[in-house]
Structures are given as C-alpha cells and as structure tokens.
Amino acid sequence: MVAAGDAGKNDVDVAEKLAIEPDMVVQEFGWDEDVDDDVRAAIEERCGSELLDEDADEVVDVVLLWWRDDDGDLTDTLLDVMTPLSDEGVIWVLTPKTGRDGYVEPADIAEAASTANLAQTAGPNLPEGWMATRLAYRKKAKR
C-alpha cells in the first residue's frame, strides 16, 4: 500500500536524478517495447510535456537515448542526436543493466563519447533494468 503523498514519488525521483526540470524540451531516441515506461512517464510529468520523437526538429535541452548492444554504431548515433541539442544540453544514454539482453559495456560508451567529443559523467541508478550515463558537450578551455 502506498501512503498518501507518496504515489509517484519514486517516478519523480527518477526525473530529478536525471536533472529534468519543468519546461525542458526532451527528445527520445531508440524507443522500443523494452523501454521503462515509468521512467518516460516521470520525465514527461516533470518537464510538463510529452517527449518529442525522433522526427522532431526542435532545439532540445535533453536527449533521452535508449541504447542496446545490437543497435548499431553508438558514435554515429551520438553525432546524429547532438544535432538538435542546445549548447547546454545533455544526452542521457540509457542501457540495459549488467546481465540483461542488450547490455552495453561502459567502455564502449566511453569510447563513443570520446570520439564524438562529449564528456561523460556517471549517472544515477534507475529502477528496474536500465542504467543511465550522462554525456554533455566538452567545455572549451579558457585562454
């Protein structure tokens, strides 16, 4: 039984962990039947709008990329999803957790991020079967 006021709390916590803020524009790539609908719903609730699909052509604050080992070339995909991303935007790469179908080695994400000139930071633990890795544009060195 969920106590009053706790309903949806874990879902909102997921969106907060992903640093989703109200009025952010979030675009989703790599949707398939295996994605975590609770994570998607929490993000939509927090940002206050539906996730944009892969065909949208708006500038976005966040790219949500569901990625599995057999989805192709991650570097190419990262370069593609960077196109609509704002200068301060982030990419969340969501991959199946260790031992699940489609698991992606962290080293593979790190290599693709480096090749795409993105900085990688550790992401929060997500519920169920997904891990999150945060990628963002590298900061330019000050002269």
N, C-alpha and C. Protein backbone atom coordinates (compact mmCIF):
# COMPACT_ATOMS: atom_id res chain seq x y z
N MET A 1 0.84 -1.18 0.00
CA MET A 1 0.00 0.00 0.00
C MET A 1 0.88 1.24 0.00
N VAL A 2 0.55 2.21 -0.80
CA VAL A 2 1.32 3.45 -0.91
C VAL A 2 0.67 4.51 -0.04
N ALA A 3 1.47 5.14 0.81
CA ALA A 3 0.95 6.19 1.68
C ALA A 3 0.53 7.40 0.86
N ALA A 4 -0.46 8.11 1.35
CA ALA A 4 -0.90 9.33 0.66
C ALA A 4 0.28 10.28 0.53
N GLY A 5 0.42 10.84 -0.65
CA GLY A 5 1.53 11.76 -0.89
C GLY A 5 2.77 11.08 -1.42
N ASP A 6 2.82 9.74 -1.32
CA ASP A 6 3.98 9.00 -1.83
C ASP A 6 3.75 8.46 -3.23
N ALA A 7 2.52 8.48 -3.69
CA ALA A 7 2.22 7.95 -5.01
C ALA A 7 3.02 8.71 -6.05
N GLY A 8 3.77 7.97 -6.87
CA GLY A 8 4.56 8.59 -7.92
C GLY A 8 5.86 9.20 -7.44
N LYS A 9 6.13 9.13 -6.14
CA LYS A 9 7.34 9.77 -5.60
C LYS A 9 8.60 9.19 -6.23
N ASN A 10 8.67 7.87 -6.33
CA ASN A 10 9.85 7.25 -6.93
C ASN A 10 10.01 7.64 -8.39
N ASP A 11 8.88 7.78 -9.10
CA ASP A 11 8.94 8.18 -10.50
C ASP A 11 9.51 9.59 -10.63
N VAL A 12 9.04 10.50 -9.78
CA VAL A 12 9.54 11.87 -9.84
C VAL A 12 11.01 11.90 -9.46
N ASP A 13 11.39 11.07 -8.48
CA ASP A 13 12.80 10.99 -8.09
C ASP A 13 13.67 10.62 -9.28
N VAL A 14 13.20 9.73 -10.13
CA VAL A 14 13.96 9.34 -11.32
C VAL A 14 14.19 10.56 -12.21
N ALA A 15 13.15 11.34 -12.45
CA ALA A 15 13.29 12.53 -13.29
C ALA A 15 14.23 13.54 -12.63
N GLU A 16 14.14 13.68 -11.33
CA GLU A 16 15.04 14.58 -10.61
C GLU A 16 16.48 14.09 -10.72
N LYS A 17 16.69 12.78 -10.60
CA LYS A 17 18.04 12.21 -10.73
C LYS A 17 18.63 12.50 -12.10
N LEU A 18 17.76 12.58 -13.10
CA LEU A 18 18.21 12.88 -14.47
C LEU A 18 18.26 14.39 -14.72
N ALA A 19 18.06 15.17 -13.68
CA ALA A 19 18.13 16.64 -13.74
C ALA A 19 17.12 17.23 -14.72
N ILE A 20 15.97 16.60 -14.83
CA ILE A 20 14.90 17.12 -15.67
C ILE A 20 14.18 18.21 -14.88
N GLU A 21 14.00 19.34 -15.52
CA GLU A 21 13.34 20.48 -14.88
C GLU A 21 12.06 20.82 -15.64
N PRO A 22 11.11 21.49 -14.96
CA PRO A 22 9.89 21.92 -15.65
C PRO A 22 10.24 22.76 -16.88
N ASP A 23 9.46 22.57 -17.93
CA ASP A 23 9.58 23.30 -19.20
C ASP A 23 10.78 22.90 -20.05
N MET A 24 11.55 21.92 -19.64
CA MET A 24 12.62 21.42 -20.51
C MET A 24 12.00 20.70 -21.70
N VAL A 25 12.69 20.77 -22.84
CA VAL A 25 12.27 20.04 -24.03
C VAL A 25 13.13 18.78 -24.11
N VAL A 26 12.47 17.61 -24.11
CA VAL A 26 13.17 16.33 -24.10
C VAL A 26 12.80 15.54 -25.35
N GLN A 27 13.82 15.09 -26.06
CA GLN A 27 13.60 14.29 -27.27
C GLN A 27 14.10 12.87 -27.01
N GLU A 28 13.31 11.91 -27.44
CA GLU A 28 13.60 10.50 -27.19
C GLU A 28 14.02 9.80 -28.47
N PHE A 29 15.10 9.02 -28.37
CA PHE A 29 15.58 8.20 -29.47
C PHE A 29 15.70 6.76 -28.98
N GLY A 30 15.51 5.82 -29.88
CA GLY A 30 15.73 4.41 -29.55
C GLY A 30 14.60 3.74 -28.81
N TRP A 31 13.39 4.34 -28.86
CA TRP A 31 12.25 3.71 -28.19
C TRP A 31 12.01 2.34 -28.78
N ASP A 32 11.68 1.38 -27.92
CA ASP A 32 11.26 0.05 -28.34
C ASP A 32 10.39 -0.50 -27.23
N GLU A 33 9.85 -1.68 -27.43
CA GLU A 33 8.93 -2.29 -26.47
C GLU A 33 9.57 -2.51 -25.09
N ASP A 34 10.90 -2.55 -25.02
CA ASP A 34 11.56 -2.88 -23.75
C ASP A 34 11.86 -1.67 -22.87
N VAL A 35 11.57 -0.46 -23.32
CA VAL A 35 11.90 0.72 -22.53
C VAL A 35 11.08 0.75 -21.25
N ASP A 36 11.55 1.50 -20.26
CA ASP A 36 10.86 1.61 -18.98
C ASP A 36 9.83 2.75 -19.07
N ASP A 37 8.58 2.38 -19.18
CA ASP A 37 7.52 3.38 -19.33
C ASP A 37 7.38 4.25 -18.08
N ASP A 38 7.75 3.74 -16.90
CA ASP A 38 7.68 4.55 -15.69
C ASP A 38 8.70 5.69 -15.74
N VAL A 39 9.89 5.41 -16.29
CA VAL A 39 10.90 6.46 -16.45
C VAL A 39 10.39 7.51 -17.43
N ARG A 40 9.84 7.07 -18.54
CA ARG A 40 9.30 8.00 -19.54
C ARG A 40 8.21 8.88 -18.93
N ALA A 41 7.28 8.25 -18.20
CA ALA A 41 6.17 8.99 -17.59
C ALA A 41 6.68 10.00 -16.56
N ALA A 42 7.68 9.61 -15.78
CA ALA A 42 8.23 10.52 -14.77
C ALA A 42 8.86 11.74 -15.44
N ILE A 43 9.56 11.52 -16.54
CA ILE A 43 10.19 12.64 -17.27
C ILE A 43 9.12 13.56 -17.83
N GLU A 44 8.09 12.97 -18.45
CA GLU A 44 7.01 13.79 -19.01
C GLU A 44 6.30 14.59 -17.92
N GLU A 45 6.07 13.96 -16.77
CA GLU A 45 5.41 14.65 -15.66
C GLU A 45 6.26 15.82 -15.17
N ARG A 46 7.56 15.59 -15.05
CA ARG A 46 8.46 16.61 -14.50
C ARG A 46 8.64 17.78 -15.48
N CYS A 47 8.82 17.48 -16.78
CA CYS A 47 9.05 18.57 -17.74
C CYS A 47 7.74 19.22 -18.18
N GLY A 48 6.62 18.54 -17.95
CA GLY A 48 5.33 19.13 -18.24
C GLY A 48 4.85 18.98 -19.66
N SER A 49 5.51 18.11 -20.44
CA SER A 49 5.06 17.87 -21.81
C SER A 49 5.49 16.49 -22.26
N GLU A 50 4.94 16.06 -23.39
CA GLU A 50 5.30 14.76 -23.94
C GLU A 50 6.71 14.80 -24.50
N LEU A 51 7.34 13.62 -24.53
CA LEU A 51 8.65 13.52 -25.14
C LEU A 51 8.52 13.69 -26.65
N LEU A 52 9.44 14.43 -27.24
CA LEU A 52 9.46 14.55 -28.70
C LEU A 52 9.99 13.26 -29.29
N ASP A 53 9.49 12.88 -30.46
CA ASP A 53 10.00 11.67 -31.09
C ASP A 53 11.21 11.98 -31.96
N GLU A 54 11.75 10.96 -32.58
CA GLU A 54 12.99 11.09 -33.35
C GLU A 54 12.86 12.03 -34.55
N ASP A 55 11.65 12.26 -35.03
CA ASP A 55 11.44 13.08 -36.22
C ASP A 55 11.30 14.57 -35.94
N ALA A 56 11.22 14.94 -34.66
CA ALA A 56 11.06 16.36 -34.31
C ALA A 56 12.30 17.14 -34.73
N ASP A 57 12.11 18.42 -35.04
CA ASP A 57 13.25 19.23 -35.48
C ASP A 57 13.43 20.48 -34.62
N GLU A 58 13.06 20.38 -33.35
CA GLU A 58 13.22 21.49 -32.42
C GLU A 58 14.58 21.41 -31.73
N VAL A 59 15.03 22.54 -31.18
CA VAL A 59 16.20 22.53 -30.31
C VAL A 59 15.75 21.96 -28.97
N VAL A 60 16.52 21.04 -28.41
CA VAL A 60 16.11 20.36 -27.18
C VAL A 60 17.14 20.55 -26.07
N ASP A 61 16.65 20.43 -24.84
CA ASP A 61 17.50 20.53 -23.66
C ASP A 61 18.11 19.19 -23.29
N VAL A 62 17.36 18.12 -23.55
CA VAL A 62 17.79 16.78 -23.16
C VAL A 62 17.45 15.80 -24.28
N VAL A 63 18.41 14.92 -24.56
CA VAL A 63 18.16 13.79 -25.44
C VAL A 63 18.16 12.55 -24.55
N LEU A 64 17.10 11.78 -24.67
CA LEU A 64 16.97 10.51 -23.96
C LEU A 64 17.20 9.42 -24.99
N LEU A 65 18.34 8.73 -24.89
CA LEU A 65 18.72 7.72 -25.88
C LEU A 65 18.71 6.33 -25.25
N TRP A 66 17.71 5.55 -25.63
CA TRP A 66 17.66 4.15 -25.20
C TRP A 66 18.59 3.38 -26.13
N TRP A 67 19.59 2.69 -25.59
CA TRP A 67 20.61 2.05 -26.43
C TRP A 67 20.89 0.63 -25.97
N ARG A 68 20.96 -0.27 -26.94
CA ARG A 68 21.25 -1.67 -26.67
C ARG A 68 22.46 -2.10 -27.50
N ASP A 69 23.11 -3.15 -27.09
CA ASP A 69 24.36 -3.59 -27.72
C ASP A 69 24.22 -3.80 -29.23
N ASP A 70 23.07 -4.26 -29.68
CA ASP A 70 22.91 -4.58 -31.11
C ASP A 70 22.22 -3.46 -31.90
N ASP A 71 22.23 -2.24 -31.36
CA ASP A 71 21.55 -1.12 -32.02
C ASP A 71 22.38 -0.44 -33.11
N GLY A 72 23.61 -0.87 -33.32
CA GLY A 72 24.42 -0.27 -34.38
C GLY A 72 25.64 0.43 -33.82
N ASP A 73 26.03 1.52 -34.48
CA ASP A 73 27.24 2.26 -34.12
C ASP A 73 26.86 3.42 -33.19
N LEU A 74 27.28 3.34 -31.94
CA LEU A 74 26.90 4.35 -30.96
C LEU A 74 27.51 5.71 -31.30
N THR A 75 28.73 5.74 -31.80
CA THR A 75 29.35 7.02 -32.14
C THR A 75 28.52 7.75 -33.20
N ASP A 76 28.14 7.04 -34.26
CA ASP A 76 27.32 7.66 -35.31
C ASP A 76 26.00 8.16 -34.75
N THR A 77 25.40 7.38 -33.90
CA THR A 77 24.12 7.78 -33.31
C THR A 77 24.30 9.01 -32.43
N LEU A 78 25.36 9.05 -31.63
CA LEU A 78 25.60 10.23 -30.79
C LEU A 78 25.77 11.48 -31.64
N LEU A 79 26.51 11.36 -32.73
CA LEU A 79 26.69 12.51 -33.62
C LEU A 79 25.35 12.97 -34.19
N ASP A 80 24.47 12.03 -34.50
CA ASP A 80 23.15 12.37 -35.03
C ASP A 80 22.28 13.05 -33.98
N VAL A 81 22.27 12.52 -32.74
CA VAL A 81 21.38 13.08 -31.72
C VAL A 81 21.91 14.38 -31.15
N MET A 82 23.15 14.72 -31.41
CA MET A 82 23.71 16.00 -30.97
C MET A 82 23.15 17.17 -31.79
N THR A 83 22.68 16.88 -32.99
CA THR A 83 22.20 17.94 -33.89
C THR A 83 21.14 18.84 -33.26
N PRO A 84 20.08 18.28 -32.62
CA PRO A 84 19.06 19.16 -32.06
C PRO A 84 19.39 19.67 -30.65
N LEU A 85 20.51 19.26 -30.10
CA LEU A 85 20.83 19.55 -28.70
C LEU A 85 21.31 20.98 -28.51
N SER A 86 20.75 21.68 -27.52
CA SER A 86 21.18 23.04 -27.20
C SER A 86 22.62 23.02 -26.70
N ASP A 87 23.25 24.18 -26.67
CA ASP A 87 24.66 24.27 -26.24
C ASP A 87 24.87 23.78 -24.82
N GLU A 88 23.87 23.93 -23.98
CA GLU A 88 23.97 23.48 -22.58
C GLU A 88 23.26 22.15 -22.35
N GLY A 89 22.81 21.52 -23.43
CA GLY A 89 22.02 20.30 -23.32
C GLY A 89 22.85 19.08 -22.93
N VAL A 90 22.14 18.03 -22.54
CA VAL A 90 22.77 16.78 -22.16
C VAL A 90 22.11 15.62 -22.88
N ILE A 91 22.87 14.55 -23.02
CA ILE A 91 22.36 13.30 -23.57
C ILE A 91 22.40 12.27 -22.46
N TRP A 92 21.27 11.65 -22.20
CA TRP A 92 21.24 10.52 -21.27
C TRP A 92 21.19 9.25 -22.10
N VAL A 93 22.24 8.43 -22.01
CA VAL A 93 22.27 7.14 -22.68
C VAL A 93 21.78 6.12 -21.68
N LEU A 94 20.63 5.51 -21.97
CA LEU A 94 20.05 4.51 -21.09
C LEU A 94 20.29 3.14 -21.70
N THR A 95 20.98 2.29 -20.95
CA THR A 95 21.36 0.97 -21.44
C THR A 95 20.89 -0.10 -20.46
N PRO A 96 20.64 -1.31 -20.96
CA PRO A 96 20.24 -2.39 -20.05
C PRO A 96 21.34 -2.66 -19.01
N LYS A 97 20.92 -2.98 -17.80
CA LYS A 97 21.87 -3.29 -16.73
C LYS A 97 22.61 -4.58 -17.02
N THR A 98 23.73 -4.77 -16.36
CA THR A 98 24.56 -5.96 -16.49
C THR A 98 23.71 -7.22 -16.40
N GLY A 99 23.95 -8.14 -17.33
CA GLY A 99 23.25 -9.42 -17.31
C GLY A 99 21.94 -9.44 -18.08
N ARG A 100 21.49 -8.28 -18.52
CA ARG A 100 20.24 -8.22 -19.28
C ARG A 100 20.53 -8.22 -20.78
N ASP A 101 19.57 -8.67 -21.57
CA ASP A 101 19.73 -8.66 -23.03
C ASP A 101 20.02 -7.24 -23.49
N GLY A 102 21.04 -7.10 -24.35
CA GLY A 102 21.38 -5.80 -24.90
C GLY A 102 22.37 -5.01 -24.07
N TYR A 103 22.89 -5.61 -22.98
CA TYR A 103 23.85 -4.92 -22.11
C TYR A 103 24.99 -4.33 -22.93
N VAL A 104 25.38 -3.10 -22.59
CA VAL A 104 26.46 -2.39 -23.28
C VAL A 104 27.61 -2.18 -22.30
N GLU A 105 28.81 -2.53 -22.71
CA GLU A 105 29.99 -2.32 -21.86
C GLU A 105 30.19 -0.83 -21.64
N PRO A 106 30.44 -0.41 -20.41
CA PRO A 106 30.71 1.01 -20.13
C PRO A 106 31.87 1.56 -20.97
N ALA A 107 32.86 0.73 -21.25
CA ALA A 107 34.00 1.17 -22.06
C ALA A 107 33.55 1.53 -23.48
N ASP A 108 32.54 0.85 -24.00
CA ASP A 108 32.02 1.16 -25.34
C ASP A 108 31.35 2.53 -25.35
N ILE A 109 30.64 2.86 -24.28
CA ILE A 109 30.01 4.17 -24.18
C ILE A 109 31.08 5.25 -24.06
N ALA A 110 32.08 4.98 -23.22
CA ALA A 110 33.17 5.95 -23.02
C ALA A 110 33.91 6.22 -24.33
N GLU A 111 34.18 5.18 -25.10
CA GLU A 111 34.89 5.35 -26.37
C GLU A 111 34.06 6.15 -27.37
N ALA A 112 32.77 5.82 -27.47
CA ALA A 112 31.89 6.54 -28.40
C ALA A 112 31.77 8.01 -27.99
N ALA A 113 31.65 8.25 -26.69
CA ALA A 113 31.53 9.63 -26.19
C ALA A 113 32.79 10.42 -26.52
N SER A 114 33.93 9.83 -26.29
CA SER A 114 35.20 10.50 -26.56
C SER A 114 35.34 10.82 -28.05
N THR A 115 35.01 9.86 -28.90
CA THR A 115 35.10 10.06 -30.34
C THR A 115 34.15 11.17 -30.80
N ALA A 116 32.99 11.28 -30.16
CA ALA A 116 32.01 12.32 -30.50
C ALA A 116 32.32 13.64 -29.79
N ASN A 117 33.43 13.69 -29.08
CA ASN A 117 33.88 14.88 -28.34
C ASN A 117 32.87 15.29 -27.26
N LEU A 118 32.35 14.29 -26.56
CA LEU A 118 31.43 14.52 -25.45
C LEU A 118 32.11 14.13 -24.15
N ALA A 119 31.79 14.82 -23.10
CA ALA A 119 32.28 14.49 -21.76
C ALA A 119 31.28 13.55 -21.10
N GLN A 120 31.79 12.55 -20.41
CA GLN A 120 30.94 11.56 -19.76
C GLN A 120 31.02 11.71 -18.25
N THR A 121 29.87 11.62 -17.59
CA THR A 121 29.84 11.57 -16.14
C THR A 121 28.96 10.41 -15.73
N ALA A 122 29.21 9.90 -14.56
CA ALA A 122 28.42 8.78 -14.06
C ALA A 122 26.98 9.22 -13.88
N GLY A 123 26.10 8.31 -14.11
CA GLY A 123 24.68 8.61 -13.97
C GLY A 123 24.10 7.94 -12.75
N PRO A 124 22.88 8.29 -12.43
CA PRO A 124 22.21 7.71 -11.26
C PRO A 124 21.72 6.30 -11.54
N ASN A 125 21.46 5.57 -10.49
CA ASN A 125 20.83 4.27 -10.64
C ASN A 125 19.36 4.48 -10.98
N LEU A 126 18.88 3.73 -11.93
CA LEU A 126 17.48 3.80 -12.31
C LEU A 126 16.78 2.55 -11.81
N PRO A 127 15.47 2.61 -11.67
CA PRO A 127 14.75 1.41 -11.24
C PRO A 127 14.78 0.36 -12.35
N GLU A 128 14.50 -0.84 -11.93
CA GLU A 128 14.39 -1.96 -12.86
C GLU A 128 15.67 -2.22 -13.64
N GLY A 129 15.56 -2.38 -14.95
CA GLY A 129 16.66 -2.92 -15.73
C GLY A 129 17.53 -1.97 -16.52
N TRP A 130 17.56 -0.68 -16.19
CA TRP A 130 18.30 0.28 -17.00
C TRP A 130 19.34 1.05 -16.20
N MET A 131 20.45 1.40 -16.87
CA MET A 131 21.50 2.25 -16.31
C MET A 131 21.51 3.55 -17.11
N ALA A 132 21.95 4.63 -16.48
CA ALA A 132 22.00 5.93 -17.15
C ALA A 132 23.43 6.46 -17.16
N THR A 133 23.85 6.96 -18.32
CA THR A 133 25.15 7.62 -18.46
C THR A 133 24.89 9.01 -19.03
N ARG A 134 25.46 10.02 -18.37
CA ARG A 134 25.25 11.40 -18.78
C ARG A 134 26.39 11.84 -19.70
N LEU A 135 26.05 12.37 -20.86
CA LEU A 135 27.02 12.90 -21.80
C LEU A 135 26.67 14.36 -22.08
N ALA A 136 27.69 15.20 -22.19
CA ALA A 136 27.47 16.61 -22.49
C ALA A 136 28.63 17.12 -23.33
N TYR A 137 28.40 18.28 -23.95
CA TYR A 137 29.49 18.90 -24.71
C TYR A 137 30.67 19.17 -23.78
N ARG A 138 31.86 18.98 -24.29
CA ARG A 138 33.06 19.33 -23.51
C ARG A 138 33.13 20.84 -23.39
N LYS A 139 33.54 21.30 -22.23
CA LYS A 139 33.70 22.74 -22.01
C LYS A 139 34.95 23.19 -22.74
N LYS A 140 34.86 24.34 -23.38
CA LYS A 140 36.03 24.90 -24.08
C LYS A 140 37.01 25.45 -23.06
N ALA A 141 38.27 25.21 -23.29
CA ALA A 141 39.31 25.72 -22.40
C ALA A 141 39.36 27.24 -22.49
N LYS A 142 39.51 27.87 -21.35
CA LYS A 142 39.62 29.35 -21.33
C LYS A 142 41.05 29.73 -21.65
N ARG A 143 41.21 30.79 -22.42
CA ARG A 143 42.55 31.22 -22.79
C ARG A 143 43.00 32.37 -21.95
